């Protein structure tokens, strides 16, 4: 997995996951990077209405977790949970070495990238989930509109290096 390879290469800085869903990948990150602060950003209530636009294949409320993800992740010493719509939910965090961005909607991707680009550590990377996937066309569209040169790593995933 390209994300873990990047982190192990030189894990200096924060790790973030925007779009946590059930918290599985956040848990993997937490287990592998015990000395790294990991930020988990999500509404924890499913896809937000304020970010949906006509034509989005996913619908408002989709991906609402069936478990108490906040409680599960809050039990981990190196995970900080930020509930709310990203990027409004970000604090003063900066210096991200790796961010996994999995927000599906065009507007969510656009707004996230606008804020994250100035908070990345030199050499850091944002991994875009659902890149070039028919069910999330806004991910690639938002990245290209902002002028990012994303490189596909595996099917439906790309990376932007800083």
C-alpha atoms as a PDB file:
ATOM      1  CA  UNK A   1       0.000   0.000   0.000  1.00  0.00           C
ATOM      2  CA  UNK A   2       1.515   3.277  -1.177  1.00  0.00           C
ATOM      3  CA  UNK A   3       0.266   5.258   1.832  1.00  0.00           C
ATOM      4  CA  UNK A   4       2.022   3.088   4.410  1.00  0.00           C
ATOM      5  CA  UNK A   5       5.153   2.930   2.270  1.00  0.00           C
ATOM      6  CA  UNK A   6       5.253   6.728   2.180  1.00  0.00           C
ATOM      7  CA  UNK A   7       4.809   6.949   5.948  1.00  0.00           C
ATOM      8  CA  UNK A   8       7.530   4.410   6.700  1.00  0.00           C
ATOM      9  CA  UNK A   9       9.922   6.161   4.307  1.00  0.00           C
ATOM     10  CA  UNK A  10      10.402   9.087   6.663  1.00  0.00           C
ATOM     11  CA  UNK A  11       7.541   9.597   9.110  1.00  0.00           C
ATOM     12  CA  UNK A  12       8.198  13.170  10.153  1.00  0.00           C
ATOM     13  CA  UNK A  13       5.123  15.167  10.882  1.00  0.00           C
ATOM     14  CA  UNK A  14       1.467  14.550  11.502  1.00  0.00           C
ATOM     15  CA  UNK A  15      -0.782  12.004   9.841  1.00  0.00           C
ATOM     16  CA  UNK A  16      -4.379  12.778   8.959  1.00  0.00           C
ATOM     17  CA  UNK A  17      -7.382  10.947   7.653  1.00  0.00           C
ATOM     18  CA  UNK A  18     -10.263  12.999   6.300  1.00  0.00           C
ATOM     19  CA  UNK A  19     -13.259  10.724   5.866  1.00  0.00           C
ATOM     20  CA  UNK A  20     -12.870   8.031   8.503  1.00  0.00           C
ATOM     21  CA  UNK A  21     -16.120   6.015   8.165  1.00  0.00           C
ATOM     22  CA  UNK A  22     -15.625   2.988  10.490  1.00  0.00           C
ATOM     23  CA  UNK A  23     -12.070   3.959  11.478  1.00  0.00           C
ATOM     24  CA  UNK A  24     -10.354   0.853  10.132  1.00  0.00           C
ATOM     25  CA  UNK A  25      -7.538   2.628   8.315  1.00  0.00           C
ATOM     26  CA  UNK A  26      -7.096   5.116  11.163  1.00  0.00           C
ATOM     27  CA  UNK A  27      -6.610   2.099  13.434  1.00  0.00           C
ATOM     28  CA  UNK A  28      -3.963   0.647  11.122  1.00  0.00           C
ATOM     29  CA  UNK A  29      -2.136   3.980  11.105  1.00  0.00           C
ATOM     30  CA  UNK A  30      -2.382   4.217  14.894  1.00  0.00           C
ATOM     31  CA  UNK A  31      -0.973   0.708  15.358  1.00  0.00           C
ATOM     32  CA  UNK A  32       1.964   1.312  13.001  1.00  0.00           C
ATOM     33  CA  UNK A  33       2.940   4.840  14.045  1.00  0.00           C
ATOM     34  CA  UNK A  34       2.644   4.823  17.825  1.00  0.00           C
ATOM     35  CA  UNK A  35       4.820   7.928  18.253  1.00  0.00           C
ATOM     36  CA  UNK A  36       2.979   9.974  15.617  1.00  0.00           C
ATOM     37  CA  UNK A  37      -0.083  12.136  16.225  1.00  0.00           C
ATOM     38  CA  UNK A  38      -2.897  11.004  13.952  1.00  0.00           C
ATOM     39  CA  UNK A  39      -5.891  13.249  13.305  1.00  0.00           C
ATOM     40  CA  UNK A  40      -9.216  11.641  12.348  1.00  0.00           C
ATOM     41  CA  UNK A  41     -11.658  14.075  10.699  1.00  0.00           C
ATOM     42  CA  UNK A  42     -15.241  13.069   9.946  1.00  0.00           C
ATOM     43  CA  UNK A  43     -18.845  14.088  10.499  1.00  0.00           C
ATOM     44  CA  UNK A  44     -19.464  10.576  11.883  1.00  0.00           C
ATOM     45  CA  UNK A  45     -23.025  11.134  10.630  1.00  0.00           C
ATOM     46  CA  UNK A  46     -22.641  10.211   6.964  1.00  0.00           C
ATOM     47  CA  UNK A  47     -22.186  12.372   3.899  1.00  0.00           C
ATOM     48  CA  UNK A  48     -23.125  16.006   4.697  1.00  0.00           C
ATOM     49  CA  UNK A  49     -25.937  17.781   2.881  1.00  0.00           C
ATOM     50  CA  UNK A  50     -23.982  21.049   2.757  1.00  0.00           C
ATOM     51  CA  UNK A  51     -21.346  19.433   0.506  1.00  0.00           C
ATOM     52  CA  UNK A  52     -23.694  17.602  -1.878  1.00  0.00           C
ATOM     53  CA  UNK A  53     -24.448  18.961  -5.329  1.00  0.00           C
ATOM     54  CA  UNK A  54     -26.677  17.769  -8.140  1.00  0.00           C
ATOM     55  CA  UNK A  55     -25.154  14.848  -9.997  1.00  0.00           C
ATOM     56  CA  UNK A  56     -23.160  13.391  -7.097  1.00  0.00           C
ATOM     57  CA  UNK A  57     -23.549   9.593  -7.244  1.00  0.00           C
ATOM     58  CA  UNK A  58     -23.352   9.258  -3.441  1.00  0.00           C
ATOM     59  CA  UNK A  59     -26.246  10.612  -1.421  1.00  0.00           C
ATOM     60  CA  UNK A  60     -26.569  12.672   1.742  1.00  0.00           C
ATOM     61  CA  UNK A  61     -26.331  10.476   4.843  1.00  0.00           C
ATOM     62  CA  UNK A  62     -24.517   7.637   3.076  1.00  0.00           C
ATOM     63  CA  UNK A  63     -21.578   6.120   4.978  1.00  0.00           C
ATOM     64  CA  UNK A  64     -23.021   6.761   8.412  1.00  0.00           C
ATOM     65  CA  UNK A  65     -21.133   4.364  10.682  1.00  0.00           C
ATOM     66  CA  UNK A  66     -23.107   1.713  12.535  1.00  0.00           C
ATOM     67  CA  UNK A  67     -20.630   1.707  15.434  1.00  0.00           C
ATOM     68  CA  UNK A  68     -19.391   4.370  17.854  1.00  0.00           C
ATOM     69  CA  UNK A  69     -16.256   5.257  15.917  1.00  0.00           C
ATOM     70  CA  UNK A  70     -15.515   8.308  18.067  1.00  0.00           C
ATOM     71  CA  UNK A  71     -15.394   6.196  21.228  1.00  0.00           C
ATOM     72  CA  UNK A  72     -13.300   3.502  19.547  1.00  0.00           C
ATOM     73  CA  UNK A  73     -10.720   5.952  18.185  1.00  0.00           C
ATOM     74  CA  UNK A  74     -10.640   8.115  21.315  1.00  0.00           C
ATOM     75  CA  UNK A  75      -9.294   5.103  23.239  1.00  0.00           C
ATOM     76  CA  UNK A  76      -6.076   5.296  21.210  1.00  0.00           C
ATOM     77  CA  UNK A  77      -3.367   7.495  22.752  1.00  0.00           C
ATOM     78  CA  UNK A  78      -2.020   8.822  19.444  1.00  0.00           C
ATOM     79  CA  UNK A  79      -5.381   9.593  17.747  1.00  0.00           C
ATOM     80  CA  UNK A  80      -7.156  12.946  17.957  1.00  0.00           C
ATOM     81  CA  UNK A  81     -10.764  12.871  16.750  1.00  0.00           C
ATOM     82  CA  UNK A  82     -12.174  16.007  15.118  1.00  0.00           C
ATOM     83  CA  UNK A  83     -15.932  15.703  14.572  1.00  0.00           C
ATOM     84  CA  UNK A  84     -17.531  17.990  12.014  1.00  0.00           C
ATOM     85  CA  UNK A  85     -17.394  18.976   8.378  1.00  0.00           C
ATOM     86  CA  UNK A  86     -13.837  19.321   7.138  1.00  0.00           C
ATOM     87  CA  UNK A  87     -12.151  21.800   6.788  1.00  0.00           C
ATOM     88  CA  UNK A  88     -14.208  23.655   9.412  1.00  0.00           C
ATOM     89  CA  UNK A  89     -13.259  20.929  11.905  1.00  0.00           C
ATOM     90  CA  UNK A  90      -9.496  21.399  11.593  1.00  0.00           C
ATOM     91  CA  UNK A  91      -7.725  23.203  14.399  1.00  0.00           C
ATOM     92  CA  UNK A  92      -4.262  24.702  14.087  1.00  0.00           C
ATOM     93  CA  UNK A  93      -2.749  21.429  12.922  1.00  0.00           C
ATOM     94  CA  UNK A  94       0.032  21.828  10.376  1.00  0.00           C
ATOM     95  CA  UNK A  95       3.028  19.851   9.193  1.00  0.00           C
ATOM     96  CA  UNK A  96       1.206  16.800   7.835  1.00  0.00           C
ATOM     97  CA  UNK A  97       3.493  14.110   6.470  1.00  0.00           C
ATOM     98  CA  UNK A  98       0.605  12.084   5.074  1.00  0.00           C
ATOM     99  CA  UNK A  99      -3.115  12.672   4.632  1.00  0.00           C
ATOM    100  CA  UNK A 100      -5.605  10.120   3.367  1.00  0.00           C
ATOM    101  CA  UNK A 101      -8.427  12.134   1.788  1.00  0.00           C
ATOM    102  CA  UNK A 102     -11.587  10.068   1.315  1.00  0.00           C
ATOM    103  CA  UNK A 103     -14.528  12.472   1.086  1.00  0.00           C
ATOM    104  CA  UNK A 104     -16.106  11.430  -2.252  1.00  0.00           C
ATOM    105  CA  UNK A 105     -17.922  14.710  -3.007  1.00  0.00           C
ATOM    106  CA  UNK A 106     -16.492  17.366  -5.357  1.00  0.00           C
ATOM    107  CA  UNK A 107     -17.023  20.261  -2.930  1.00  0.00           C
ATOM    108  CA  UNK A 108     -15.594  18.320   0.020  1.00  0.00           C
ATOM    109  CA  UNK A 109     -12.490  17.431  -2.000  1.00  0.00           C
ATOM    110  CA  UNK A 110     -12.056  20.983  -3.283  1.00  0.00           C
ATOM    111  CA  UNK A 111     -12.382  22.596   0.156  1.00  0.00           C
ATOM    112  CA  UNK A 112     -10.140  20.001   1.801  1.00  0.00           C
ATOM    113  CA  UNK A 113      -7.342  20.425  -0.742  1.00  0.00           C
ATOM    114  CA  UNK A 114      -7.504  24.228  -0.483  1.00  0.00           C
ATOM    115  CA  UNK A 115      -6.827  24.044   3.259  1.00  0.00           C
ATOM    116  CA  UNK A 116      -4.463  21.072   3.347  1.00  0.00           C
ATOM    117  CA  UNK A 117      -2.048  22.373   0.698  1.00  0.00           C
ATOM    118  CA  UNK A 118      -0.740  24.994   3.122  1.00  0.00           C
ATOM    119  CA  UNK A 119      -0.518  22.553   6.035  1.00  0.00           C
ATOM    120  CA  UNK A 120       1.644  19.878   4.453  1.00  0.00           C
ATOM    121  CA  UNK A 121       5.223  19.189   5.514  1.00  0.00           C
ATOM    122  CA  UNK A 122       7.913  19.363   2.811  1.00  0.00           C
ATOM    123  CA  UNK A 123       7.993  15.905   1.228  1.00  0.00           C
ATOM    124  CA  UNK A 124       4.497  15.142   2.507  1.00  0.00           C
ATOM    125  CA  UNK A 125       1.742  13.564   0.473  1.00  0.00           C
ATOM    126  CA  UNK A 126      -2.028  13.664   0.141  1.00  0.00           C
ATOM    127  CA  UNK A 127      -3.504  10.381  -1.033  1.00  0.00           C
ATOM    128  CA  UNK A 128      -6.782  10.826  -2.909  1.00  0.00           C
ATOM    129  CA  UNK A 129      -9.198   7.945  -2.538  1.00  0.00           C
ATOM    130  CA  UNK A 130     -11.724   7.275  -5.320  1.00  0.00           C
ATOM    131  CA  UNK A 131      -9.507   8.984  -7.914  1.00  0.00           C
ATOM    132  CA  UNK A 132     -10.893   8.608 -11.424  1.00  0.00           C
ATOM    133  CA  UNK A 133     -13.729   6.387 -10.160  1.00  0.00           C
ATOM    134  CA  UNK A 134     -17.072   6.739 -11.943  1.00  0.00           C
ATOM    135  CA  UNK A 135     -18.912   6.967  -8.591  1.00  0.00           C
ATOM    136  CA  UNK A 136     -16.810   9.938  -7.391  1.00  0.00           C
ATOM    137  CA  UNK A 137     -16.010  12.085 -10.447  1.00  0.00           C
ATOM    138  CA  UNK A 138     -15.550  15.192  -8.311  1.00  0.00           C
ATOM    139  CA  UNK A 139     -12.350  13.930  -6.686  1.00  0.00           C
ATOM    140  CA  UNK A 140     -10.274  14.186  -9.848  1.00  0.00           C
ATOM    141  CA  UNK A 141     -12.150  17.279 -11.022  1.00  0.00           C
ATOM    142  CA  UNK A 142     -11.397  19.221  -7.821  1.00  0.00           C
ATOM    143  CA  UNK A 143      -7.738  18.222  -7.834  1.00  0.00           C
ATOM    144  CA  UNK A 144      -7.249  19.268 -11.446  1.00  0.00           C
ATOM    145  CA  UNK A 145      -9.134  22.557 -10.986  1.00  0.00           C
ATOM    146  CA  UNK A 146      -6.676  23.487  -8.248  1.00  0.00           C
ATOM    147  CA  UNK A 147      -3.737  22.664 -10.529  1.00  0.00           C
ATOM    148  CA  UNK A 148      -2.418  19.659  -8.630  1.00  0.00           C
ATOM    149  CA  UNK A 149      -0.351  17.104 -10.505  1.00  0.00           C
ATOM    150  CA  UNK A 150      -1.783  13.946  -8.957  1.00  0.00           C
ATOM    151  CA  UNK A 151      -0.203  10.635  -9.918  1.00  0.00           C
ATOM    152  CA  UNK A 152      -2.246   7.458  -9.918  1.00  0.00           C
ATOM    153  CA  UNK A 153      -0.731   4.857  -7.556  1.00  0.00           C
ATOM    154  CA  UNK A 154      -3.237   2.016  -7.860  1.00  0.00           C
ATOM    155  CA  UNK A 155      -6.697   1.770  -9.348  1.00  0.00           C
ATOM    156  CA  UNK A 156      -8.912   4.580  -8.013  1.00  0.00           C
ATOM    157  CA  UNK A 157      -6.176   6.166  -5.923  1.00  0.00           C
ATOM    158  CA  UNK A 158      -3.724   8.979  -6.632  1.00  0.00           C
ATOM    159  CA  UNK A 159      -1.125  10.950  -4.701  1.00  0.00           C
ATOM    160  CA  UNK A 160      -0.085  14.587  -4.605  1.00  0.00           C
ATOM    161  CA  UNK A 161       3.458  15.183  -3.317  1.00  0.00           C
ATOM    162  CA  UNK A 162       4.571  18.424  -1.655  1.00  0.00           C
END
